[in-house]
Amino acid sequence: MAIPPADLVLEHLRAIRADLAWLRQDITEARQRLGHLEAQYATISGRLDRMAGDIGRIRDRLGLIDA
């Protein structure tokens, strides 16, 4: 017995919706992970900036000159 065309279309649409739901979930997870990476990068960048300032003050106190 052949599947009626309307049922075939509905079956394909259901499969497409399932795939889209999976992609939506995957993209949401990727965005969350990217947000965490951005926050970690900002923290590390701030720490490096403070360290650069500290090193500059140490060089000034020791009388070191950049070559």
N, C-alpha and C. Protein backbone atom coordinates (compact mmCIF):
# COMPACT_ATOMS: atom_id res chain seq x y z
N MET A 1 0.84 -1.18 0.00
CA MET A 1 0.00 0.00 0.00
C MET A 1 0.89 1.25 0.00
N ALA A 2 0.64 2.16 -0.89
CA ALA A 2 1.43 3.38 -1.03
C ALA A 2 1.01 4.41 0.03
N ILE A 3 1.98 5.20 0.44
CA ILE A 3 1.71 6.26 1.42
C ILE A 3 1.10 7.44 0.67
N PRO A 4 -0.01 7.98 1.19
CA PRO A 4 -0.62 9.15 0.53
C PRO A 4 0.37 10.32 0.54
N PRO A 5 0.37 11.14 -0.51
CA PRO A 5 1.32 12.26 -0.61
C PRO A 5 1.25 13.21 0.59
N ALA A 6 0.07 13.49 1.10
CA ALA A 6 -0.06 14.41 2.23
C ALA A 6 0.65 13.86 3.45
N ASP A 7 0.51 12.56 3.71
CA ASP A 7 1.18 11.94 4.84
C ASP A 7 2.70 11.95 4.66
N LEU A 8 3.13 11.77 3.45
CA LEU A 8 4.57 11.78 3.15
C LEU A 8 5.16 13.16 3.43
N VAL A 9 4.45 14.18 3.01
CA VAL A 9 4.90 15.56 3.27
C VAL A 9 4.93 15.82 4.76
N LEU A 10 3.90 15.41 5.48
CA LEU A 10 3.88 15.62 6.93
C LEU A 10 5.02 14.88 7.61
N GLU A 11 5.32 13.70 7.13
CA GLU A 11 6.43 12.93 7.71
C GLU A 11 7.76 13.66 7.51
N HIS A 12 7.96 14.21 6.33
CA HIS A 12 9.18 14.97 6.07
C HIS A 12 9.23 16.25 6.91
N LEU A 13 8.11 16.91 7.05
CA LEU A 13 8.08 18.13 7.87
C LEU A 13 8.39 17.81 9.33
N ARG A 14 7.90 16.70 9.84
CA ARG A 14 8.21 16.30 11.22
C ARG A 14 9.70 16.03 11.39
N ALA A 15 10.29 15.39 10.39
CA ALA A 15 11.73 15.12 10.45
C ALA A 15 12.53 16.43 10.41
N ILE A 16 12.10 17.36 9.60
CA ILE A 16 12.76 18.66 9.51
C ILE A 16 12.64 19.40 10.84
N ARG A 17 11.47 19.36 11.45
CA ARG A 17 11.27 20.03 12.74
C ARG A 17 12.15 19.41 13.82
N ALA A 18 12.29 18.10 13.79
CA ALA A 18 13.15 17.43 14.77
C ALA A 18 14.61 17.86 14.58
N ASP A 19 15.04 17.93 13.33
CA ASP A 19 16.40 18.37 13.06
C ASP A 19 16.61 19.81 13.51
N LEU A 20 15.64 20.67 13.26
CA LEU A 20 15.74 22.07 13.67
C LEU A 20 15.79 22.20 15.19
N ALA A 21 15.02 21.38 15.88
CA ALA A 21 15.05 21.41 17.35
C ALA A 21 16.43 21.02 17.85
N TRP A 22 17.02 20.00 17.23
CA TRP A 22 18.36 19.58 17.63
C TRP A 22 19.38 20.68 17.36
N LEU A 23 19.28 21.34 16.19
CA LEU A 23 20.19 22.43 15.86
C LEU A 23 20.03 23.60 16.82
N ARG A 24 18.80 23.92 17.16
CA ARG A 24 18.54 25.02 18.09
C ARG A 24 19.21 24.73 19.44
N GLN A 25 19.07 23.52 19.92
CA GLN A 25 19.68 23.14 21.19
C GLN A 25 21.20 23.20 21.09
N ASP A 26 21.74 22.73 19.98
CA ASP A 26 23.19 22.73 19.78
C ASP A 26 23.73 24.16 19.73
N ILE A 27 23.03 25.05 19.04
CA ILE A 27 23.46 26.45 18.94
C ILE A 27 23.38 27.13 20.30
N THR A 28 22.34 26.83 21.07
CA THR A 28 22.21 27.40 22.41
C THR A 28 23.39 27.00 23.28
N GLU A 29 23.75 25.73 23.22
CA GLU A 29 24.90 25.24 24.00
C GLU A 29 26.19 25.92 23.54
N ALA A 30 26.36 26.08 22.24
CA ALA A 30 27.57 26.72 21.70
C ALA A 30 27.64 28.18 22.15
N ARG A 31 26.52 28.86 22.17
CA ARG A 31 26.50 30.26 22.63
C ARG A 31 26.86 30.36 24.10
N GLN A 32 26.37 29.44 24.90
CA GLN A 32 26.70 29.45 26.32
C GLN A 32 28.19 29.22 26.52
N ARG A 33 28.74 28.27 25.80
CA ARG A 33 30.16 27.98 25.93
C ARG A 33 31.00 29.17 25.46
N LEU A 34 30.58 29.83 24.39
CA LEU A 34 31.29 31.00 23.89
C LEU A 34 31.23 32.13 24.92
N GLY A 35 30.09 32.28 25.57
CA GLY A 35 29.97 33.29 26.61
C GLY A 35 30.93 33.04 27.76
N HIS A 36 31.08 31.78 28.15
CA HIS A 36 32.03 31.44 29.21
C HIS A 36 33.47 31.74 28.76
N LEU A 37 33.79 31.41 27.51
CA LEU A 37 35.13 31.69 27.00
C LEU A 37 35.41 33.20 26.96
N GLU A 38 34.42 33.98 26.56
CA GLU A 38 34.60 35.43 26.52
C GLU A 38 34.84 35.99 27.91
N ALA A 39 34.12 35.48 28.89
CA ALA A 39 34.30 35.94 30.27
C ALA A 39 35.69 35.57 30.78
N GLN A 40 36.15 34.37 30.47
CA GLN A 40 37.48 33.96 30.89
C GLN A 40 38.56 34.79 30.20
N TYR A 41 38.36 35.07 28.93
CA TYR A 41 39.32 35.91 28.19
C TYR A 41 39.39 37.30 28.81
N ALA A 42 38.25 37.87 29.16
CA ALA A 42 38.24 39.21 29.76
C ALA A 42 38.98 39.20 31.08
N THR A 43 38.79 38.16 31.88
CA THR A 43 39.48 38.05 33.16
C THR A 43 40.99 37.96 32.95
N ILE A 44 41.42 37.11 32.05
CA ILE A 44 42.86 36.93 31.79
C ILE A 44 43.45 38.22 31.22
N SER A 45 42.73 38.86 30.32
CA SER A 45 43.22 40.10 29.73
C SER A 45 43.41 41.18 30.80
N GLY A 46 42.47 41.28 31.71
CA GLY A 46 42.60 42.25 32.80
C GLY A 46 43.78 41.96 33.70
N ARG A 47 43.98 40.69 33.97
CA ARG A 47 45.12 40.30 34.80
C ARG A 47 46.44 40.63 34.10
N LEU A 48 46.52 40.36 32.82
CA LEU A 48 47.75 40.67 32.08
C LEU A 48 48.02 42.17 32.05
N ASP A 49 46.98 42.96 31.90
CA ASP A 49 47.15 44.41 31.91
C ASP A 49 47.69 44.89 33.25
N ARG A 50 47.16 44.35 34.33
CA ARG A 50 47.65 44.73 35.66
C ARG A 50 49.10 44.28 35.85
N MET A 51 49.43 43.08 35.35
CA MET A 51 50.81 42.60 35.46
C MET A 51 51.76 43.49 34.67
N ALA A 52 51.35 43.94 33.51
CA ALA A 52 52.19 44.82 32.70
C ALA A 52 52.46 46.12 33.45
N GLY A 53 51.45 46.64 34.10
CA GLY A 53 51.64 47.85 34.90
C GLY A 53 52.58 47.61 36.07
N ASP A 54 52.42 46.47 36.72
CA ASP A 54 53.31 46.12 37.84
C ASP A 54 54.75 45.99 37.38
N ILE A 55 54.96 45.34 36.25
CA ILE A 55 56.31 45.17 35.71
C ILE A 55 56.91 46.53 35.35
N GLY A 56 56.09 47.42 34.81
CA GLY A 56 56.57 48.76 34.49
C GLY A 56 57.02 49.50 35.74
N ARG A 57 56.26 49.40 36.81
CA ARG A 57 56.65 50.06 38.06
C ARG A 57 57.91 49.45 38.64
N ILE A 58 58.06 48.14 38.54
CA ILE A 58 59.27 47.47 39.02
C ILE A 58 60.48 47.96 38.23
N ARG A 59 60.34 48.06 36.91
CA ARG A 59 61.45 48.56 36.08
C ARG A 59 61.82 49.99 36.45
N ASP A 60 60.79 50.81 36.70
CA ASP A 60 61.06 52.19 37.10
C ASP A 60 61.83 52.24 38.41
N ARG A 61 61.44 51.44 39.36
CA ARG A 61 62.10 51.43 40.67
C ARG A 61 63.54 50.91 40.57
N LEU A 62 63.78 49.96 39.69
CA LEU A 62 65.10 49.40 39.54
C LEU A 62 65.98 50.22 38.58
N GLY A 63 65.36 51.18 37.92
CA GLY A 63 66.10 52.02 36.99
C GLY A 63 66.42 51.30 35.68
N LEU A 64 65.64 50.30 35.34
CA LEU A 64 65.86 49.59 34.10
C LEU A 64 65.29 50.38 32.92
N ILE A 65 65.96 50.29 31.78
CA ILE A 65 65.53 51.01 30.60
C ILE A 65 65.24 49.99 29.50
N ASP A 66 64.12 50.17 28.78
CA ASP A 66 63.83 49.27 27.65
C ASP A 66 64.82 49.53 26.54
N ALA A 67 65.34 48.46 25.96
CA ALA A 67 66.32 48.63 24.87
C ALA A 67 65.63 48.66 23.54
